[in-house]
Protein backbone atom coordinates (compact mmCIF):
# COMPACT_ATOMS: atom_id res chain seq x y z
CA MET A 1 3.04 -84.07 113.88
CA LEU A 2 6.53 -82.81 115.47
CA GLN A 3 8.59 -79.18 115.37
CA ARG A 4 10.69 -80.32 112.75
CA HIS A 5 6.82 -80.98 110.46
CA ILE A 6 6.47 -77.25 111.20
CA ARG A 7 9.73 -75.72 110.70
CA ASN A 8 9.89 -77.99 107.33
CA ILE A 9 7.06 -76.48 106.09
CA MET A 10 7.97 -72.70 107.14
CA PRO A 11 10.64 -70.67 105.57
CA PHE A 12 14.33 -70.14 106.22
CA ASP A 13 16.16 -66.40 106.97
CA LYS A 14 19.54 -65.86 107.94
CA GLY A 15 19.33 -63.53 111.17
CA GLY A 16 20.04 -59.96 109.61
CA GLN A 17 17.07 -60.68 107.21
CA LEU A 18 14.17 -61.52 110.13
CA PRO A 19 11.85 -58.37 110.21
CA ALA A 20 12.98 -55.96 113.32
CA ILE A 21 8.92 -57.20 114.39
CA VAL A 22 9.76 -60.39 114.77
CA VAL A 23 12.99 -59.88 116.73
CA GLY A 24 12.16 -57.29 118.57
CA ASN A 25 14.82 -57.23 121.82
CA ALA A 26 16.09 -60.46 120.97
CA LYS A 27 19.95 -60.66 120.52
CA VAL A 28 20.71 -62.64 116.86
CA ASP A 29 23.56 -63.24 115.39
CA PRO A 30 23.37 -62.10 112.11
CA ASP A 31 25.10 -64.80 110.01
CA ARG A 32 23.11 -68.13 111.85
CA THR A 33 19.66 -69.34 110.00
CA TYR A 34 16.72 -69.57 111.83
CA THR A 35 13.26 -70.93 111.17
CA LEU A 36 10.55 -68.19 110.85
CA ALA A 37 7.57 -69.83 110.73
CA VAL A 38 4.40 -67.35 109.78
CA THR A 39 0.93 -68.42 108.54
CA ASP A 40 0.43 -68.09 104.92
CA PHE A 41 -1.37 -64.57 105.09
CA ALA A 42 1.69 -63.05 107.63
CA ALA A 43 3.84 -64.30 103.75
CA ALA A 44 1.41 -62.92 101.52
CA ASN A 45 0.90 -59.88 103.64
CA GLN A 46 4.17 -59.45 105.03
CA GLY A 47 4.66 -55.41 104.11
CA SER A 48 1.56 -55.15 106.31
CA SER A 49 1.24 -52.66 109.87
CA GLU A 50 -0.76 -55.52 111.09
CA ASN A 51 1.83 -58.54 109.98
CA LEU A 52 5.76 -58.49 108.84
CA ARG A 53 6.29 -54.64 108.57
CA THR A 54 8.83 -55.46 105.80
CA THR A 55 8.68 -56.86 101.98
CA GLY A 56 10.76 -58.86 100.26
CA LEU A 57 11.16 -62.01 102.25
CA VAL A 58 11.14 -65.22 99.64
CA PHE A 59 8.65 -68.29 100.90
CA PRO A 60 10.58 -71.35 99.07
CA ARG A 61 7.68 -74.17 100.06
CA ASP A 62 4.17 -73.56 99.86
CA GLU A 63 2.88 -76.43 101.06
CA GLY A 64 -1.07 -74.79 101.31
CA LEU A 65 -3.06 -72.70 103.51
CA LEU A 66 -2.60 -73.55 107.30
CA ARG A 67 -5.56 -73.87 108.08
CA ASP A 68 -6.22 -77.14 105.53
CA LEU A 69 -2.61 -78.65 107.19
CA ILE A 70 -4.44 -77.72 110.49
CA ILE A 71 -7.63 -79.77 109.32
CA ASP A 72 -5.00 -82.39 108.20
CA TRP A 73 -3.75 -82.44 111.18
CA PHE A 74 -6.52 -82.81 113.42
CA ARG A 75 -8.42 -85.79 111.23
CA LYS A 76 -4.87 -87.51 111.64
CA LYS A 77 -5.75 -87.99 115.18
CA LYS A 78 -9.42 -88.33 114.24
CA VAL A 79 -10.12 -85.67 116.51
CA VAL A 80 -12.39 -83.60 112.79
CA GLY A 81 -14.45 -85.05 110.89
CA PRO A 82 -14.90 -84.29 106.96
């Protein structure tokens, strides 16, 4: 798996839409497009204090559960069996 594959399955946001917890002290351009990689659990529970602490983020592509993607990756590397 390449980094671009991960970027393809994770959501895209403008800098101004990134949750404060993600940005932290980093300086971001509010008009630039950024890639925000989160697990399916964090996306589904984005409003909780343990996750993104925000609501309304739209995740346009759902490629399945992260654990299934990881299992598929390891199977392709022939590290994990059924």
